[in-house]
Amino acid sequence: MPGKNTRWTHARAPDLDPWREHDACGVGFVARASGERSHAVARLALEALKRVAHRGAAATDSSGDGAGVLTQIPAPLFYREAERLELPLAAGQSFAVGMFFLPREAAALARVTAIIEDVLRGDGLSVLGWREVPVRLDVLGAGARATCPAIRQVLIAPAADRRGDDAAWERALYLARKTIDARVADAGPDLEPFFVCSLSARTIVYKALLTGTQLGAFFPDLESPDFETALAVFHQRYSTNTTSSWPLAQP
């Protein structure tokens, strides 16, 4: 490989100098070619995310620019949690999960929850119940901790006429997400913070205002042996011309 002082040239862009290029966010994925789900894939993704922490940044209080993972929905974890919470979800039953950042203030939280449920039921989807996502707030920096939203998951069953039609179900969930966004926005700023991290029967997003080294510790779900997936896309954000915030964490 040429030394650092060697100038590389490109036939179509002779003025391009690779040594003046700058990278930003850290992005990657882990996938099992066989499609077999396991916790090992999630564990490898979290380890890989830690290795790209240098692609992000953190404030002096350790509040990161944001990091997250997108995985397949870990069905064993949710079947276990549904049993614990006494939700009407039997092992093997089809379901979707909505991951939300919601207001912490009780009245605003109740209003947003009502909007979400109204939209879902209006689209023929069955709301099985809500789950408060376990988190370890002590992992966060002071700034991120002060602005941390309520993090909730809603479990959803498909409409009777969409059972077995995965494409139709995903489309219904996508449209519901757009309607929820619009309804909450129309309700005014009193319902902030609000953000739909994911709403799908296939994938789920866990993200937060932190660094990649903190993600697994913040979300105990990700470290559970029941968190099984065959793929994981991870992202360490580097905030450039925008102020870091919970919704801007990726994916």
C-alpha atoms as a PDB file:
ATOM      1  CA  MET A   1       0.000   0.000   0.000  1.00  0.00           C
ATOM      2  CA  PRO A   2       1.390   3.465  -0.851  1.00  0.00           C
ATOM      3  CA  GLY A   3       2.676   5.526   2.054  1.00  0.00           C
ATOM      4  CA  LYS A   4       0.777   8.487   3.396  1.00  0.00           C
ATOM      5  CA  ASN A   5       2.882  10.921   1.398  1.00  0.00           C
ATOM      6  CA  THR A   6       2.090   9.174  -1.883  1.00  0.00           C
ATOM      7  CA  ARG A   7      -0.565  11.026  -3.868  1.00  0.00           C
ATOM      8  CA  TRP A   8      -3.252   8.821  -5.349  1.00  0.00           C
ATOM      9  CA  THR A   9      -5.045   9.973  -8.465  1.00  0.00           C
ATOM     10  CA  HIS A  10      -8.252   8.881 -10.133  1.00  0.00           C
ATOM     11  CA  ALA A  11      -8.585   8.893 -13.909  1.00  0.00           C
ATOM     12  CA  ARG A  12     -11.941  10.696 -13.811  1.00  0.00           C
ATOM     13  CA  ALA A  13     -11.218  12.878 -10.793  1.00  0.00           C
ATOM     14  CA  PRO A  14      -7.514  13.766 -10.787  1.00  0.00           C
ATOM     15  CA  ASP A  15      -7.994  16.359  -8.042  1.00  0.00           C
ATOM     16  CA  LEU A  16      -9.430  13.790  -5.619  1.00  0.00           C
ATOM     17  CA  ASP A  17      -7.140  13.348  -2.626  1.00  0.00           C
ATOM     18  CA  PRO A  18      -8.153  10.433  -0.345  1.00  0.00           C
ATOM     19  CA  TRP A  19      -6.126  11.899   2.510  1.00  0.00           C
ATOM     20  CA  ARG A  20      -8.514  14.838   2.666  1.00  0.00           C
ATOM     21  CA  GLU A  21     -11.591  12.654   2.964  1.00  0.00           C
ATOM     22  CA  HIS A  22     -13.468  12.523   6.261  1.00  0.00           C
ATOM     23  CA  ASP A  23     -15.770   9.780   7.508  1.00  0.00           C
ATOM     24  CA  ALA A  24     -18.729  10.305   9.790  1.00  0.00           C
ATOM     25  CA  CYS A  25     -21.227   7.817  11.261  1.00  0.00           C
ATOM     26  CA  GLY A  26     -20.350   4.184  11.911  1.00  0.00           C
ATOM     27  CA  VAL A  27     -22.670   1.726  10.161  1.00  0.00           C
ATOM     28  CA  GLY A  28     -22.589  -2.025   9.720  1.00  0.00           C
ATOM     29  CA  PHE A  29     -24.520  -5.255   9.903  1.00  0.00           C
ATOM     30  CA  VAL A  30     -24.263  -8.836  11.067  1.00  0.00           C
ATOM     31  CA  ALA A  31     -26.265 -11.565   9.348  1.00  0.00           C
ATOM     32  CA  ARG A  32     -26.443 -15.338   9.388  1.00  0.00           C
ATOM     33  CA  ALA A  33     -26.629 -16.633   5.813  1.00  0.00           C
ATOM     34  CA  SER A  34     -28.690 -19.648   6.847  1.00  0.00           C
ATOM     35  CA  GLY A  35     -31.402 -17.399   8.253  1.00  0.00           C
ATOM     36  CA  GLU A  36     -31.273 -19.218  11.584  1.00  0.00           C
ATOM     37  CA  ARG A  37     -32.009 -16.912  14.490  1.00  0.00           C
ATOM     38  CA  SER A  38     -29.843 -16.848  17.593  1.00  0.00           C
ATOM     39  CA  HIS A  39     -28.730 -14.520  20.341  1.00  0.00           C
ATOM     40  CA  ALA A  40     -25.182 -14.796  19.004  1.00  0.00           C
ATOM     41  CA  VAL A  41     -26.047 -12.468  16.113  1.00  0.00           C
ATOM     42  CA  ALA A  42     -27.334  -9.798  18.502  1.00  0.00           C
ATOM     43  CA  ARG A  43     -24.273 -10.216  20.691  1.00  0.00           C
ATOM     44  CA  LEU A  44     -21.908  -9.840  17.724  1.00  0.00           C
ATOM     45  CA  ALA A  45     -23.767  -6.733  16.533  1.00  0.00           C
ATOM     46  CA  LEU A  46     -23.430  -5.088  19.944  1.00  0.00           C
ATOM     47  CA  GLU A  47     -19.726  -5.916  19.999  1.00  0.00           C
ATOM     48  CA  ALA A  48     -19.277  -4.533  16.473  1.00  0.00           C
ATOM     49  CA  LEU A  49     -21.162  -1.387  17.468  1.00  0.00           C
ATOM     50  CA  LYS A  50     -18.727  -0.866  20.327  1.00  0.00           C
ATOM     51  CA  ARG A  51     -15.860  -1.076  17.821  1.00  0.00           C
ATOM     52  CA  VAL A  52     -17.191   1.895  15.833  1.00  0.00           C
ATOM     53  CA  ALA A  53     -17.720   4.146  18.849  1.00  0.00           C
ATOM     54  CA  HIS A  54     -14.899   6.326  17.494  1.00  0.00           C
ATOM     55  CA  ARG A  55     -17.185   7.201  14.561  1.00  0.00           C
ATOM     56  CA  GLY A  56     -19.486   9.055  16.965  1.00  0.00           C
ATOM     57  CA  ALA A  57     -18.966  11.574  19.701  1.00  0.00           C
ATOM     58  CA  ALA A  58     -19.976  12.248  23.274  1.00  0.00           C
ATOM     59  CA  ALA A  59     -20.428  15.318  25.436  1.00  0.00           C
ATOM     60  CA  THR A  60     -18.368  15.856  28.563  1.00  0.00           C
ATOM     61  CA  ASP A  61     -21.143  14.178  30.582  1.00  0.00           C
ATOM     62  CA  SER A  62     -20.946  11.026  28.389  1.00  0.00           C
ATOM     63  CA  SER A  63     -24.195  11.776  26.532  1.00  0.00           C
ATOM     64  CA  GLY A  64     -23.577  10.299  23.088  1.00  0.00           C
ATOM     65  CA  ASP A  65     -24.776  11.456  19.677  1.00  0.00           C
ATOM     66  CA  GLY A  66     -27.013   8.393  19.427  1.00  0.00           C
ATOM     67  CA  ALA A  67     -26.714   4.711  18.590  1.00  0.00           C
ATOM     68  CA  GLY A  68     -29.083   1.873  17.794  1.00  0.00           C
ATOM     69  CA  VAL A  69     -29.781  -1.474  16.186  1.00  0.00           C
ATOM     70  CA  LEU A  70     -32.455  -2.816  13.859  1.00  0.00           C
ATOM     71  CA  THR A  71     -33.141  -6.543  14.173  1.00  0.00           C
ATOM     72  CA  GLN A  72     -35.800  -9.086  13.462  1.00  0.00           C
ATOM     73  CA  ILE A  73     -38.442  -9.173  16.176  1.00  0.00           C
ATOM     74  CA  PRO A  74     -37.152 -11.535  18.899  1.00  0.00           C
ATOM     75  CA  ALA A  75     -40.274 -13.679  19.230  1.00  0.00           C
ATOM     76  CA  PRO A  76     -39.117 -15.772  22.243  1.00  0.00           C
ATOM     77  CA  LEU A  77     -38.591 -12.613  24.285  1.00  0.00           C
ATOM     78  CA  PHE A  78     -42.050 -11.257  23.505  1.00  0.00           C
ATOM     79  CA  TYR A  79     -43.833 -14.559  24.079  1.00  0.00           C
ATOM     80  CA  ARG A  80     -42.172 -14.705  27.492  1.00  0.00           C
ATOM     81  CA  GLU A  81     -43.057 -11.107  28.276  1.00  0.00           C
ATOM     82  CA  ALA A  82     -46.646 -11.555  27.102  1.00  0.00           C
ATOM     83  CA  GLU A  83     -47.041 -14.431  29.530  1.00  0.00           C
ATOM     84  CA  ARG A  84     -45.542 -12.369  32.357  1.00  0.00           C
ATOM     85  CA  LEU A  85     -47.819  -9.416  31.605  1.00  0.00           C
ATOM     86  CA  GLU A  86     -50.816 -11.699  31.036  1.00  0.00           C
ATOM     87  CA  LEU A  87     -51.347 -10.419  27.500  1.00  0.00           C
ATOM     88  CA  PRO A  88     -53.446 -12.496  25.072  1.00  0.00           C
ATOM     89  CA  LEU A  89     -50.502 -13.638  22.938  1.00  0.00           C
ATOM     90  CA  ALA A  90     -49.866 -17.364  22.692  1.00  0.00           C
ATOM     91  CA  ALA A  91     -46.560 -18.887  21.621  1.00  0.00           C
ATOM     92  CA  GLY A  92     -46.503 -19.223  17.844  1.00  0.00           C
ATOM     93  CA  GLN A  93     -49.167 -16.564  17.291  1.00  0.00           C
ATOM     94  CA  SER A  94     -48.410 -13.833  14.749  1.00  0.00           C
ATOM     95  CA  PHE A  95     -47.869 -10.364  16.165  1.00  0.00           C
ATOM     96  CA  ALA A  96     -46.303  -6.991  15.466  1.00  0.00           C
ATOM     97  CA  VAL A  97     -44.479  -4.595  17.775  1.00  0.00           C
ATOM     98  CA  GLY A  98     -44.509  -0.820  17.877  1.00  0.00           C
ATOM     99  CA  MET A  99     -41.534   0.834  19.594  1.00  0.00           C
ATOM    100  CA  PHE A 100     -42.259   4.389  20.754  1.00  0.00           C
ATOM    101  CA  PHE A 101     -40.642   7.357  22.454  1.00  0.00           C
ATOM    102  CA  LEU A 102     -43.492   8.932  24.433  1.00  0.00           C
ATOM    103  CA  PRO A 103     -44.045  11.888  26.797  1.00  0.00           C
ATOM    104  CA  ARG A 104     -43.174  11.278  30.434  1.00  0.00           C
ATOM    105  CA  GLU A 105     -45.931  13.544  31.762  1.00  0.00           C
ATOM    106  CA  ALA A 106     -48.886  11.331  32.723  1.00  0.00           C
ATOM    107  CA  ALA A 107     -51.684  13.270  30.999  1.00  0.00           C
ATOM    108  CA  ALA A 108     -49.736  13.659  27.745  1.00  0.00           C
ATOM    109  CA  LEU A 109     -48.727   9.991  27.850  1.00  0.00           C
ATOM    110  CA  ALA A 110     -52.356   8.948  28.221  1.00  0.00           C
ATOM    111  CA  ARG A 111     -53.429  11.146  25.288  1.00  0.00           C
ATOM    112  CA  VAL A 112     -50.738   9.821  22.965  1.00  0.00           C
ATOM    113  CA  THR A 113     -51.463   6.231  23.961  1.00  0.00           C
ATOM    114  CA  ALA A 114     -55.144   6.787  23.208  1.00  0.00           C
ATOM    115  CA  ILE A 115     -54.314   8.201  19.752  1.00  0.00           C
ATOM    116  CA  ILE A 116     -52.091   5.226  18.924  1.00  0.00           C
ATOM    117  CA  GLU A 117     -54.714   2.708  19.998  1.00  0.00           C
ATOM    118  CA  ASP A 118     -57.474   4.572  18.160  1.00  0.00           C
ATOM    119  CA  VAL A 119     -55.519   4.538  14.891  1.00  0.00           C
ATOM    120  CA  LEU A 120     -54.573   0.875  15.188  1.00  0.00           C
ATOM    121  CA  ARG A 121     -58.091  -0.252  16.007  1.00  0.00           C
ATOM    122  CA  GLY A 122     -59.495   1.983  13.288  1.00  0.00           C
ATOM    123  CA  ASP A 123     -57.339   0.071  10.815  1.00  0.00           C
ATOM    124  CA  GLY A 124     -58.722  -3.242  12.057  1.00  0.00           C
ATOM    125  CA  LEU A 125     -55.645  -4.160  14.114  1.00  0.00           C
ATOM    126  CA  SER A 126     -55.983  -5.625  17.611  1.00  0.00           C
ATOM    127  CA  VAL A 127     -54.050  -3.984  20.451  1.00  0.00           C
ATOM    128  CA  LEU A 128     -52.898  -6.818  22.708  1.00  0.00           C
ATOM    129  CA  GLY A 129     -51.331  -4.563  25.302  1.00  0.00           C
ATOM    130  CA  TRP A 130     -48.429  -2.345  26.255  1.00  0.00           C
ATOM    131  CA  ARG A 131     -45.008  -3.064  27.682  1.00  0.00           C
ATOM    132  CA  GLU A 132     -42.714  -0.632  29.457  1.00  0.00           C
ATOM    133  CA  VAL A 133     -39.265  -1.240  28.019  1.00  0.00           C
ATOM    134  CA  PRO A 134     -36.752  -1.907  30.802  1.00  0.00           C
ATOM    135  CA  VAL A 135     -33.833   0.529  30.748  1.00  0.00           C
ATOM    136  CA  ARG A 136     -30.884   1.400  32.964  1.00  0.00           C
ATOM    137  CA  LEU A 137     -30.937   5.187  33.252  1.00  0.00           C
ATOM    138  CA  ASP A 138     -27.651   5.269  35.150  1.00  0.00           C
ATOM    139  CA  VAL A 139     -25.895   4.280  31.908  1.00  0.00           C
ATOM    140  CA  LEU A 140     -26.799   7.620  30.288  1.00  0.00           C
ATOM    141  CA  GLY A 141     -25.002  10.912  30.570  1.00  0.00           C
ATOM    142  CA  ALA A 142     -26.739  13.659  32.535  1.00  0.00           C
ATOM    143  CA  GLY A 143     -28.060  15.455  29.450  1.00  0.00           C
ATOM    144  CA  ALA A 144     -29.461  12.307  27.844  1.00  0.00           C
ATOM    145  CA  ARG A 145     -30.954  11.197  31.149  1.00  0.00           C
ATOM    146  CA  ALA A 146     -32.707  14.536  31.641  1.00  0.00           C
ATOM    147  CA  THR A 147     -34.379  14.306  28.226  1.00  0.00           C
ATOM    148  CA  CYS A 148     -35.052  10.558  28.201  1.00  0.00           C
ATOM    149  CA  PRO A 149     -38.612   9.878  26.994  1.00  0.00           C
ATOM    150  CA  ALA A 150     -40.903   7.141  28.225  1.00  0.00           C
ATOM    151  CA  ILE A 151     -40.025   4.117  26.090  1.00  0.00           C
ATOM    152  CA  ARG A 152     -42.958   1.806  25.434  1.00  0.00           C
ATOM    153  CA  GLN A 153     -43.826  -1.110  23.167  1.00  0.00           C
ATOM    154  CA  VAL A 154     -47.304  -2.011  21.940  1.00  0.00           C
ATOM    155  CA  LEU A 155     -48.052  -5.566  20.857  1.00  0.00           C
ATOM    156  CA  ILE A 156     -50.489  -5.926  17.972  1.00  0.00           C
ATOM    157  CA  ALA A 157     -52.381  -8.802  16.358  1.00  0.00           C
ATOM    158  CA  PRO A 158     -53.321  -8.691  12.655  1.00  0.00           C
ATOM    159  CA  ALA A 159     -56.814  -8.116  11.368  1.00  0.00           C
ATOM    160  CA  ALA A 160     -58.640 -11.352  10.586  1.00  0.00           C
ATOM    161  CA  ASP A 161     -58.597 -10.650   6.837  1.00  0.00           C
ATOM    162  CA  ARG A 162     -54.808 -10.076   6.834  1.00  0.00           C
ATOM    163  CA  ARG A 163     -53.692 -13.207   8.657  1.00  0.00           C
ATOM    164  CA  GLY A 164     -51.262 -15.095   6.478  1.00  0.00           C
ATOM    165  CA  ASP A 165     -50.750 -12.101   4.160  1.00  0.00           C
ATOM    166  CA  ASP A 166     -47.488 -10.616   5.439  1.00  0.00           C
ATOM    167  CA  ALA A 167     -47.267  -7.935   2.756  1.00  0.00           C
ATOM    168  CA  ALA A 168     -50.774  -6.641   3.469  1.00  0.00           C
ATOM    169  CA  TRP A 169     -50.073  -6.584   7.180  1.00  0.00           C
ATOM    170  CA  GLU A 170     -46.822  -4.646   6.780  1.00  0.00           C
ATOM    171  CA  ARG A 171     -48.577  -2.166   4.521  1.00  0.00           C
ATOM    172  CA  ALA A 172     -51.322  -1.673   7.107  1.00  0.00           C
ATOM    173  CA  LEU A 173     -48.729  -1.098   9.833  1.00  0.00           C
ATOM    174  CA  TYR A 174     -46.836   1.390   7.649  1.00  0.00           C
ATOM    175  CA  LEU A 175     -49.996   3.365   6.929  1.00  0.00           C
ATOM    176  CA  ALA A 176     -50.930   3.263  10.610  1.00  0.00           C
ATOM    177  CA  ARG A 177     -47.523   4.680  11.479  1.00  0.00           C
ATOM    178  CA  LYS A 178     -48.003   7.599   9.106  1.00  0.00           C
ATOM    179  CA  THR A 179     -51.476   8.278  10.482  1.00  0.00           C
ATOM    180  CA  ILE A 180     -50.223   8.146  14.076  1.00  0.00           C
ATOM    181  CA  ASP A 181     -47.454  10.622  13.242  1.00  0.00           C
ATOM    182  CA  ALA A 182     -49.961  13.009  11.647  1.00  0.00           C
ATOM    183  CA  ARG A 183     -52.525  12.716  14.448  1.00  0.00           C
ATOM    184  CA  VAL A 184     -49.969  13.378  17.183  1.00  0.00           C
ATOM    185  CA  ALA A 185     -48.464  16.313  15.259  1.00  0.00           C
ATOM    186  CA  ASP A 186     -51.926  17.829  14.781  1.00  0.00           C
ATOM    187  CA  ALA A 187     -52.570  17.514  18.522  1.00  0.00           C
ATOM    188  CA  GLY A 188     -49.837  20.068  19.223  1.00  0.00           C
ATOM    189  CA  PRO A 189     -46.480  20.345  21.006  1.00  0.00           C
ATOM    190  CA  ASP A 190     -47.951  19.389  24.383  1.00  0.00           C
ATOM    191  CA  LEU A 191     -47.572  15.752  23.341  1.00  0.00           C
ATOM    192  CA  GLU A 192     -43.821  15.929  22.825  1.00  0.00           C
ATOM    193  CA  PRO A 193     -41.489  14.119  23.019  1.00  0.00           C
ATOM    194  CA  PHE A 194     -42.968  11.633  20.585  1.00  0.00           C
ATOM    195  CA  PHE A 195     -41.344   9.407  17.991  1.00  0.00           C
ATOM    196  CA  VAL A 196     -42.148   6.094  16.307  1.00  0.00           C
ATOM    197  CA  CYS A 197     -38.917   4.104  16.371  1.00  0.00           C
ATOM    198  CA  SER A 198     -40.476   1.161  14.548  1.00  0.00           C
ATOM    199  CA  LEU A 199     -43.873  -0.396  13.852  1.00  0.00           C
ATOM    200  CA  SER A 200     -43.623  -3.728  12.083  1.00  0.00           C
ATOM    201  CA  ALA A 201     -44.308  -7.444  12.235  1.00  0.00           C
ATOM    202  CA  ARG A 202     -40.801  -8.120  10.908  1.00  0.00           C
ATOM    203  CA  THR A 203     -38.287  -5.782  12.486  1.00  0.00           C
ATOM    204  CA  ILE A 204     -37.765  -3.704  15.605  1.00  0.00           C
ATOM    205  CA  VAL A 205     -35.468  -0.793  16.474  1.00  0.00           C
ATOM    206  CA  TYR A 206     -33.726  -0.214  19.784  1.00  0.00           C
ATOM    207  CA  LYS A 207     -31.987   3.143  19.873  1.00  0.00           C
ATOM    208  CA  ALA A 208     -31.119   5.859  22.366  1.00  0.00           C
ATOM    209  CA  LEU A 209     -29.147   9.050  22.919  1.00  0.00           C
ATOM    210  CA  LEU A 210     -25.900   7.372  23.864  1.00  0.00           C
ATOM    211  CA  THR A 211     -22.785   5.799  22.368  1.00  0.00           C
ATOM    212  CA  GLY A 212     -22.480   2.345  20.898  1.00  0.00           C
ATOM    213  CA  THR A 213     -20.563   1.178  23.959  1.00  0.00           C
ATOM    214  CA  GLN A 214     -23.616   1.939  26.133  1.00  0.00           C
ATOM    215  CA  LEU A 215     -26.485   0.502  24.072  1.00  0.00           C
ATOM    216  CA  GLY A 216     -26.491  -3.068  25.384  1.00  0.00           C
ATOM    217  CA  ALA A 217     -26.147  -1.919  28.973  1.00  0.00           C
ATOM    218  CA  PHE A 218     -29.011   0.580  28.579  1.00  0.00           C
ATOM    219  CA  PHE A 219     -31.446  -1.951  27.078  1.00  0.00           C
ATOM    220  CA  PRO A 220     -31.373  -5.238  29.064  1.00  0.00           C
ATOM    221  CA  ASP A 221     -33.578  -6.762  26.332  1.00  0.00           C
ATOM    222  CA  LEU A 222     -30.604  -6.769  23.979  1.00  0.00           C
ATOM    223  CA  GLU A 223     -28.522  -8.830  26.405  1.00  0.00           C
ATOM    224  CA  SER A 224     -31.260 -11.399  27.045  1.00  0.00           C
ATOM    225  CA  PRO A 225     -30.624 -14.914  25.636  1.00  0.00           C
ATOM    226  CA  ASP A 226     -34.209 -14.746  24.326  1.00  0.00           C
ATOM    227  CA  PHE A 227     -33.284 -11.869  22.024  1.00  0.00           C
ATOM    228  CA  GLU A 228     -32.839 -13.968  18.884  1.00  0.00           C
ATOM    229  CA  THR A 229     -32.351 -12.651  15.360  1.00  0.00           C
ATOM    230  CA  ALA A 230     -30.692 -13.691  12.113  1.00  0.00           C
ATOM    231  CA  LEU A 231     -29.712 -10.136  11.187  1.00  0.00           C
ATOM    232  CA  ALA A 232     -28.805  -6.883  12.866  1.00  0.00           C
ATOM    233  CA  VAL A 233     -28.061  -3.469  11.364  1.00  0.00           C
ATOM    234  CA  PHE A 234     -26.216  -1.138  13.730  1.00  0.00           C
ATOM    235  CA  HIS A 235     -25.486   2.580  13.654  1.00  0.00           C
ATOM    236  CA  GLN A 236     -23.317   4.950  15.659  1.00  0.00           C
ATOM    237  CA  ARG A 237     -24.335   8.522  14.901  1.00  0.00           C
ATOM    238  CA  TYR A 238     -21.938  11.413  14.493  1.00  0.00           C
ATOM    239  CA  SER A 239     -23.821  14.679  14.877  1.00  0.00           C
ATOM    240  CA  THR A 240     -22.515  17.263  12.424  1.00  0.00           C
ATOM    241  CA  ASN A 241     -24.821  20.191  11.663  1.00  0.00           C
ATOM    242  CA  THR A 242     -27.672  19.169  13.982  1.00  0.00           C
ATOM    243  CA  THR A 243     -28.063  19.045  17.733  1.00  0.00           C
ATOM    244  CA  SER A 244     -28.178  15.530  19.121  1.00  0.00           C
ATOM    245  CA  SER A 245     -31.616  14.332  20.207  1.00  0.00           C
ATOM    246  CA  TRP A 246     -33.418  11.073  20.942  1.00  0.00           C
ATOM    247  CA  PRO A 247     -35.392  10.913  17.652  1.00  0.00           C
ATOM    248  CA  LEU A 248     -32.270  11.582  15.562  1.00  0.00           C
ATOM    249  CA  ALA A 249     -30.503   8.472  16.835  1.00  0.00           C
ATOM    250  CA  GLN A 250     -30.433   5.831  14.099  1.00  0.00           C
ATOM    251  CA  PRO A 251     -31.558   3.439  12.673  1.00  0.00           C
END
